[in-house]
Amino acid sequence: MEFKDRSSYDDIFYSGGDKNRPNSRLDKKARNLIVVVIVLVLVLFLAVVLIWFFNFSSFADKPKTELPTVKIVDVIEEEEIKGTSEVGDPKIDAKEAITVIETPQPRREVSELEFGSNWYIEHTVSKDQTLESISELYAITRETLLSVNAIKNISSVKEGSVLKIPKQNGQLYTVVVGDSLSTISNRFNPNLGWKNLQQINALSSEVIYPGQKIFIPSAQVEDDGSFASFDRFVKPAEGRITGLYGQTVVYGQSENVVTLKGIWIEGASQSPIFASGSGNVEEIGNDVKGSGNYVVLKHDYGYKTTYAHLDRIDVKIGDEIKKGQQIGIMGQSGNIGKRALYFSIEQEGVALNPANFF
């Protein structure tokens, strides 16, 4: 038998009579087309999902824009309403979003019947009240309240405190030796007259005595500075106050019994002495048998402060001094007999209690 090559068998096996014979080229194109279609479908699907997410889902998640809240406030400073308030986009002027209603502090009108024969009524401090708000409530100056109530520390005015509220602005004066109603009225309020001063204080006679408290109405507080701000002066030295204004003492190494018109502050050796207020050095001296080394400062509104028994003086006459500036060193010069500063405040020649100022 004659053998045929292998190719002839192949030709017989794949004869043209079999119509189901796969076409490799067509199958490859079909597969590619299917892949392309699937990719396009996926791209379209992702595009639809992204469009929905950004345009519908994010909108639903956004916080609702609220209309601007109208605020009713007592007082708003000009600087606080110059800016803008962002409510969505564009920005809205803060003035359009805020209604400002100014509510003035109500004042307490006190009738003459409430005062009776007294020059004052009593006020019990309630919660959230301050010296300033009480001052506005009764139309009385802060300085008047400080004086008539002998307030040494403003922070001591708290809920439950009882304050004296006078009919008008003025000060509470402590009578000293040599005073009379006439000299007091002429010194502080010449237009008042001693008789009116007697009636205001409900005094049975014109006779007064040292240590007695007299209320003196102010002539014109704003103009003459009689009751200048009580924070004008500060304590001039660190140390313990051992001598009080108005206290009767044997002064130092002398045998003289005197009534202090200032205070004693005992301190450490070489501790600094500071100017209690701003002013000018008016006088410097050395009274060996009395005040020792001393300095007198002159301040506005007729005030003067004296610093005595210094160990050293660091200023000279005519110097302009600022409050808190060192003017000397604590000592025991003169007849004090101990290391202490004698400090006094006066106005127009009248001694005042330093405790009322700091």
Protein backbone atom coordinates (compact mmCIF):
# COMPACT_ATOMS: atom_id res chain seq x y z
CA MET A 1 0.00 0.00 0.00
CA GLU A 2 1.22 3.41 -0.81
CA PHE A 3 1.56 5.71 2.26
CA LYS A 4 0.28 9.25 1.99
CA ASP A 5 1.85 12.14 3.80
CA ARG A 6 0.16 13.56 6.90
CA SER A 7 -1.04 16.65 5.20
CA SER A 8 -3.29 14.59 2.96
CA TYR A 9 -5.06 13.15 6.04
CA ASP A 10 -5.56 16.60 7.33
CA ASP A 11 -7.13 17.66 4.12
CA ILE A 12 -9.49 14.71 4.33
CA PHE A 13 -10.38 15.38 8.01
CA TYR A 14 -11.15 19.03 7.39
CA SER A 15 -13.03 18.57 4.18
CA GLY A 16 -15.23 21.42 3.07
CA GLY A 17 -18.32 19.44 3.80
CA ASP A 18 -18.27 20.35 7.59
CA LYS A 19 -19.97 23.75 7.94
CA ASN A 20 -19.43 23.92 11.78
CA ARG A 21 -15.73 24.39 11.51
CA PRO A 22 -14.84 27.47 13.72
CA ASN A 23 -13.36 30.52 12.14
CA SER A 24 -10.52 31.71 14.47
CA ARG A 25 -10.49 35.26 13.13
CA LEU A 26 -14.21 35.81 13.62
CA ASP A 27 -14.08 34.36 17.15
CA LYS A 28 -11.31 36.78 18.13
CA LYS A 29 -13.18 39.83 16.81
CA ALA A 30 -16.32 38.76 18.64
CA ARG A 31 -14.47 38.39 21.89
CA ASN A 32 -12.91 41.86 21.51
CA LEU A 33 -16.30 43.39 20.71
CA ILE A 34 -17.84 41.81 23.78
CA VAL A 35 -15.01 43.13 25.98
CA VAL A 36 -15.43 46.64 24.57
CA VAL A 37 -19.17 46.57 25.16
CA ILE A 38 -18.69 45.42 28.75
CA VAL A 39 -16.12 48.14 29.40
CA LEU A 40 -18.44 50.80 27.95
CA VAL A 41 -21.31 49.56 30.08
CA LEU A 42 -19.13 49.70 33.21
CA VAL A 43 -17.93 53.22 32.34
CA LEU A 44 -21.48 54.41 31.80
CA PHE A 45 -22.56 52.80 35.06
CA LEU A 46 -19.75 54.46 37.02
CA ALA A 47 -20.53 57.79 35.36
CA VAL A 48 -24.18 57.53 36.38
CA VAL A 49 -23.22 56.63 39.96
CA LEU A 50 -20.80 59.56 40.23
CA ILE A 51 -23.33 62.01 38.78
CA TRP A 52 -25.96 60.85 41.23
CA PHE A 53 -23.53 61.01 44.18
CA PHE A 54 -22.36 64.56 43.54
CA ASN A 55 -25.73 66.03 42.49
CA PHE A 56 -28.20 64.21 44.67
CA SER A 57 -26.55 62.47 47.58
CA SER A 58 -24.33 65.47 48.54
CA PHE A 59 -27.25 67.84 48.31
CA ALA A 60 -29.24 65.70 50.70
CA ASP A 61 -26.33 65.60 53.13
CA LYS A 62 -25.76 69.36 53.08
CA PRO A 63 -26.98 71.19 56.22
CA LYS A 64 -29.96 73.33 55.56
CA THR A 65 -29.15 77.03 55.33
CA GLU A 66 -31.00 78.78 58.08
CA LEU A 67 -32.23 82.32 57.95
CA PRO A 68 -30.18 84.76 60.00
CA THR A 69 -31.25 84.86 63.62
CA VAL A 70 -32.37 88.27 64.79
CA LYS A 71 -30.65 89.12 68.06
CA ILE A 72 -31.96 91.65 70.56
CA VAL A 73 -29.12 93.09 72.60
CA ASP A 74 -28.73 95.92 75.05
CA VAL A 75 -25.74 97.71 73.55
CA ILE A 76 -23.38 96.68 70.72
CA GLU A 77 -20.17 98.58 70.21
CA GLU A 78 -19.65 100.06 66.75
CA GLU A 79 -16.59 97.85 66.19
CA GLU A 80 -18.66 94.72 66.75
CA ILE A 81 -21.11 95.47 63.92
CA LYS A 82 -18.68 96.72 61.30
CA GLY A 83 -17.80 93.19 60.12
CA THR A 84 -19.86 90.84 57.97
CA SER A 85 -21.70 87.71 58.92
CA GLU A 86 -21.54 84.79 56.48
CA VAL A 87 -24.96 83.29 55.85
CA GLY A 88 -24.56 81.15 52.74
CA ASP A 89 -23.12 83.03 49.78
CA PRO A 90 -22.92 86.01 49.35
CA LYS A 91 -22.08 87.53 52.75
CA ILE A 92 -24.68 89.50 54.63
CA ASP A 93 -23.77 92.65 56.53
CA ALA A 94 -23.92 91.96 60.27
CA LYS A 95 -26.00 95.11 60.76
CA GLU A 96 -28.76 93.48 58.64
CA ALA A 97 -28.73 90.37 60.84
CA ILE A 98 -28.79 92.18 64.20
CA THR A 99 -31.49 94.38 65.63
CA VAL A 100 -29.98 96.72 68.21
CA ILE A 101 -32.25 97.90 70.99
CA GLU A 102 -30.57 100.08 73.60
CA THR A 103 -32.03 99.59 77.06
CA PRO A 104 -30.85 102.27 79.47
CA GLN A 105 -30.15 101.35 83.08
CA PRO A 106 -33.37 102.03 85.05
CA ARG A 107 -32.97 104.48 87.89
CA ARG A 108 -34.39 104.16 91.34
CA GLU A 109 -36.30 107.27 92.36
CA VAL A 110 -36.17 107.74 96.13
CA SER A 111 -38.82 109.89 97.78
CA GLU A 112 -38.24 112.25 100.67
CA LEU A 113 -40.44 110.04 102.84
CA GLU A 114 -38.02 107.15 102.41
CA PHE A 115 -35.15 109.27 103.69
CA GLY A 116 -37.13 110.64 106.61
CA SER A 117 -34.77 112.65 108.82
CA ASN A 118 -31.67 110.80 107.57
CA TRP A 119 -29.33 111.90 104.80
CA TYR A 120 -29.24 108.34 103.45
CA ILE A 121 -31.23 105.18 102.88
CA GLU A 122 -29.85 101.64 103.02
CA HIS A 123 -29.45 99.40 99.99
CA THR A 124 -28.80 95.65 100.19
CA VAL A 125 -26.61 94.50 97.32
CA SER A 126 -28.26 91.79 95.25
CA LYS A 127 -26.74 89.16 93.00
CA ASP A 128 -24.80 90.50 89.97
CA GLN A 129 -24.88 94.09 91.27
CA THR A 130 -21.61 96.04 91.30
CA LEU A 131 -20.57 99.41 92.67
CA GLU A 132 -20.94 100.84 89.16
CA SER A 133 -24.43 99.45 88.60
CA ILE A 134 -25.59 100.70 92.02
CA SER A 135 -24.09 104.08 91.21
CA GLU A 136 -26.14 104.20 87.99
CA LEU A 137 -29.25 102.92 89.74
CA TYR A 138 -29.34 105.84 92.17
CA ALA A 139 -27.56 108.42 89.97
CA ILE A 140 -24.84 108.75 92.61
CA THR A 141 -21.14 108.85 91.78
CA ARG A 142 -18.86 105.92 92.55
CA GLU A 143 -16.66 108.21 94.64
CA THR A 144 -19.61 109.21 96.82
CA LEU A 145 -20.43 105.57 97.53
CA LEU A 146 -16.81 104.87 98.37
CA SER A 147 -16.63 107.77 100.80
CA VAL A 148 -19.91 107.43 102.68
CA ASN A 149 -19.44 103.68 103.09
CA ALA A 150 -15.71 103.85 103.92
CA ILE A 151 -15.06 101.18 101.28
CA LYS A 152 -11.40 100.18 101.32
CA ASN A 153 -11.65 97.32 98.85
CA ILE A 154 -14.14 97.37 95.98
CA SER A 155 -14.19 93.56 95.89
CA SER A 156 -15.76 93.63 99.37
CA VAL A 157 -18.99 94.92 97.79
CA LYS A 158 -20.86 91.66 97.21
CA GLU A 159 -24.29 90.12 97.54
CA GLY A 160 -25.76 90.85 100.97
CA SER A 161 -23.62 93.94 101.66
CA VAL A 162 -25.58 96.92 102.99
CA LEU A 163 -24.63 100.31 101.55
CA LYS A 164 -25.65 103.82 102.53
CA ILE A 165 -27.16 105.75 99.62
CA PRO A 166 -27.23 109.54 100.22
CA LYS A 167 -29.68 111.99 98.71
CA GLN A 168 -26.95 113.57 96.65
CA ASN A 169 -23.27 113.33 95.84
CA GLY A 170 -20.87 114.15 98.65
CA GLN A 171 -18.48 112.69 101.18
CA LEU A 172 -18.47 111.46 104.74
CA TYR A 173 -16.15 113.61 106.79
CA THR A 174 -14.67 112.78 110.20
CA VAL A 175 -14.61 115.79 112.53
CA VAL A 176 -11.20 116.69 113.97
CA VAL A 177 -10.17 119.00 116.80
CA GLY A 178 -10.89 122.64 115.93
CA ASP A 179 -13.65 121.90 113.41
CA SER A 180 -17.04 123.60 113.43
CA LEU A 181 -19.97 123.33 111.05
CA SER A 182 -19.07 126.75 109.73
CA THR A 183 -15.43 125.96 108.97
CA ILE A 184 -16.39 122.62 107.40
CA SER A 185 -19.03 124.11 105.12
CA ASN A 186 -16.75 127.00 104.10
CA ARG A 187 -13.93 124.58 103.30
CA PHE A 188 -15.93 122.07 101.22
CA ASN A 189 -19.08 123.82 100.01
CA PRO A 190 -19.16 127.59 100.65
CA ASN A 191 -22.66 127.95 99.18
CA LEU A 192 -24.12 125.38 101.55
CA GLY A 193 -23.99 127.23 104.88
CA TRP A 194 -23.53 125.69 108.29
CA LYS A 195 -27.26 125.72 109.06
CA ASN A 196 -28.07 123.58 106.03
CA LEU A 197 -25.22 121.26 106.97
CA GLN A 198 -26.79 120.88 110.41
CA GLN A 199 -30.22 120.12 108.93
CA ILE A 200 -28.88 117.62 106.38
CA ASN A 201 -27.22 115.63 109.17
CA ALA A 202 -30.23 115.99 111.49
CA LEU A 203 -28.03 117.42 114.27
CA SER A 204 -29.80 118.61 117.37
CA SER A 205 -27.35 121.54 117.74
CA GLU A 206 -24.42 123.15 115.99
CA VAL A 207 -21.99 121.58 118.47
CA ILE A 208 -19.87 118.80 116.96
CA TYR A 209 -17.07 116.71 118.46
CA PRO A 210 -13.89 115.01 117.17
CA GLY A 211 -14.57 111.62 115.60
CA GLN A 212 -18.13 112.50 114.64
CA LYS A 213 -19.19 111.63 111.06
CA ILE A 214 -20.66 114.46 109.01
CA PHE A 215 -22.07 114.09 105.49
CA ILE A 216 -21.04 117.01 103.28
CA PRO A 217 -22.89 117.44 99.98
CA SER A 218 -20.62 118.06 97.03
CA ALA A 219 -20.68 121.50 95.47
CA GLN A 220 -19.67 120.45 91.97
CA VAL A 221 -17.92 117.13 91.83
CA GLU A 222 -17.11 117.10 88.14
CA ASP A 223 -15.51 120.53 88.05
CA ASP A 224 -13.56 120.96 91.25
CA GLY A 225 -12.26 117.41 91.55
CA SER A 226 -13.20 117.18 95.23
CA PHE A 227 -13.93 113.51 94.87
CA ALA A 228 -11.45 112.53 92.23
CA SER A 229 -11.21 108.85 91.43
CA PHE A 230 -10.30 106.85 94.53
CA ASP A 231 -7.89 104.76 92.47
CA ARG A 232 -5.74 107.90 92.12
CA PHE A 233 -3.51 106.77 95.01
CA VAL A 234 -1.89 103.43 95.86
CA LYS A 235 -0.23 102.06 98.97
CA PRO A 236 3.28 103.62 99.06
CA ALA A 237 5.13 100.72 100.70
CA GLU A 238 4.91 97.04 101.48
CA GLY A 239 4.34 96.27 105.13
CA ARG A 240 1.90 96.14 108.00
CA ILE A 241 -0.19 99.16 108.94
CA THR A 242 0.42 99.70 112.65
CA GLY A 243 -0.96 103.20 113.09
CA LEU A 244 -4.43 104.16 111.87
CA TYR A 245 -5.79 107.51 110.76
CA GLY A 246 -7.53 109.19 113.70
CA GLN A 247 -5.83 106.94 116.25
CA THR A 248 -4.50 108.58 119.45
CA VAL A 249 -0.91 107.47 120.09
CA VAL A 250 2.29 108.40 121.87
CA TYR A 251 4.39 109.42 118.92
CA GLY A 252 7.64 107.48 118.76
CA GLN A 253 10.34 108.35 121.29
CA SER A 254 8.60 111.53 122.39
CA GLU A 255 6.07 111.75 125.18
CA ASN A 256 3.64 113.67 122.99
CA VAL A 257 0.16 112.21 122.68
CA VAL A 258 -1.15 112.96 119.20
CA THR A 259 -4.01 112.01 116.90
CA LEU A 260 -2.62 110.56 113.69
CA LYS A 261 -3.63 112.40 110.51
CA GLY A 262 -2.01 109.68 108.45
CA ILE A 263 -0.94 106.07 108.87
CA TRP A 264 2.17 104.15 109.93
CA ILE A 265 3.43 101.38 107.68
CA GLU A 266 6.13 99.17 109.19
CA GLY A 267 8.37 97.42 106.66
CA ALA A 268 11.68 95.67 106.10
CA SER A 269 15.01 97.47 106.15
CA GLN A 270 15.91 99.13 102.85
CA SER A 271 12.49 98.38 101.36
CA PRO A 272 11.47 100.93 98.69
CA ILE A 273 9.03 103.78 99.18
CA PHE A 274 6.88 104.52 96.13
CA ALA A 275 4.96 107.62 95.04
CA SER A 276 1.32 106.99 95.91
CA GLY A 277 0.21 109.12 92.96
CA SER A 278 1.62 111.08 90.05
CA GLY A 279 2.74 114.62 90.84
CA ASN A 280 5.68 116.91 91.49
CA VAL A 281 8.14 117.04 94.39
CA GLU A 282 7.12 120.18 96.29
CA GLU A 283 9.21 119.85 99.44
CA ILE A 284 12.13 117.85 100.85
CA GLY A 285 13.46 118.19 104.38
CA ASN A 286 14.97 116.67 107.49
CA ASP A 287 13.25 117.27 110.81
CA VAL A 288 15.64 115.58 113.23
CA LYS A 289 13.28 115.76 116.23
CA GLY A 290 10.14 115.08 114.23
CA SER A 291 9.51 113.68 110.75
CA GLY A 292 13.12 112.89 109.95
CA ASN A 293 13.82 112.74 106.22
CA TYR A 294 10.57 113.54 104.44
CA VAL A 295 9.20 114.21 100.95
CA VAL A 296 6.00 116.08 100.01
CA LEU A 297 4.42 115.50 96.59
CA LYS A 298 1.86 117.83 95.04
CA HIS A 299 -0.90 116.28 92.95
CA ASP A 300 -3.86 117.49 90.87
CA TYR A 301 -7.07 118.81 92.47
CA GLY A 302 -5.28 120.19 95.53
CA TYR A 303 -4.04 116.84 96.85
CA LYS A 304 -0.70 116.43 98.67
CA THR A 305 0.99 113.31 100.01
CA THR A 306 3.72 113.21 102.68
CA TYR A 307 6.32 110.46 103.22
CA ALA A 308 8.28 110.75 106.48
CA HIS A 309 11.06 108.99 108.45
CA LEU A 310 12.87 107.88 105.28
CA ASP A 311 16.36 106.45 105.47
CA ARG A 312 17.22 107.85 102.04
CA ILE A 313 15.59 110.24 99.59
CA ASP A 314 15.95 109.49 95.86
CA VAL A 315 14.28 112.59 94.35
CA LYS A 316 14.80 116.33 94.35
CA ILE A 317 12.50 119.36 94.44
CA GLY A 318 10.78 120.00 91.12
CA ASP A 319 11.01 116.42 89.86
CA GLU A 320 7.98 115.14 88.00
CA ILE A 321 7.05 111.81 89.57
CA LYS A 322 4.89 109.00 88.22
CA LYS A 323 2.65 106.87 90.41
CA GLY A 324 4.63 103.87 91.64
CA GLN A 325 8.03 105.48 91.09
CA GLN A 326 10.55 104.95 93.90
CA ILE A 327 11.20 108.12 95.89
CA GLY A 328 13.20 106.76 98.82
CA ILE A 329 14.04 103.94 101.23
CA MET A 330 12.23 102.82 104.40
CA GLY A 331 13.97 104.04 107.56
CA GLN A 332 13.56 105.31 111.12
CA SER A 333 14.93 108.83 110.91
CA GLY A 334 13.47 111.50 113.22
CA ASN A 335 11.64 110.48 116.38
CA ILE A 336 9.67 107.50 115.09
CA GLY A 337 11.65 105.02 117.21
CA LYS A 338 11.03 102.12 114.80
CA ARG A 339 11.43 101.33 111.11
CA ALA A 340 8.23 102.71 109.64
CA LEU A 341 6.86 105.11 107.07
CA TYR A 342 4.49 107.86 108.11
CA PHE A 343 2.18 108.53 105.15
CA SER A 344 -0.60 111.10 104.86
CA ILE A 345 -2.98 112.49 102.23
CA GLU A 346 -4.56 115.90 102.36
CA GLN A 347 -6.66 118.03 100.06
CA GLU A 348 -6.65 121.79 100.30
CA GLY A 349 -5.01 121.48 103.71
CA VAL A 350 -7.57 118.99 105.05
CA ALA A 351 -6.25 115.59 106.17
CA LEU A 352 -8.01 112.60 104.59
CA ASN A 353 -8.04 108.97 105.63
CA PRO A 354 -5.60 107.09 103.35
CA ALA A 355 -7.55 103.89 103.97
CA ASN A 356 -10.33 105.27 101.78
CA PHE A 357 -7.97 105.41 98.79
CA PHE A 358 -6.44 101.94 98.67
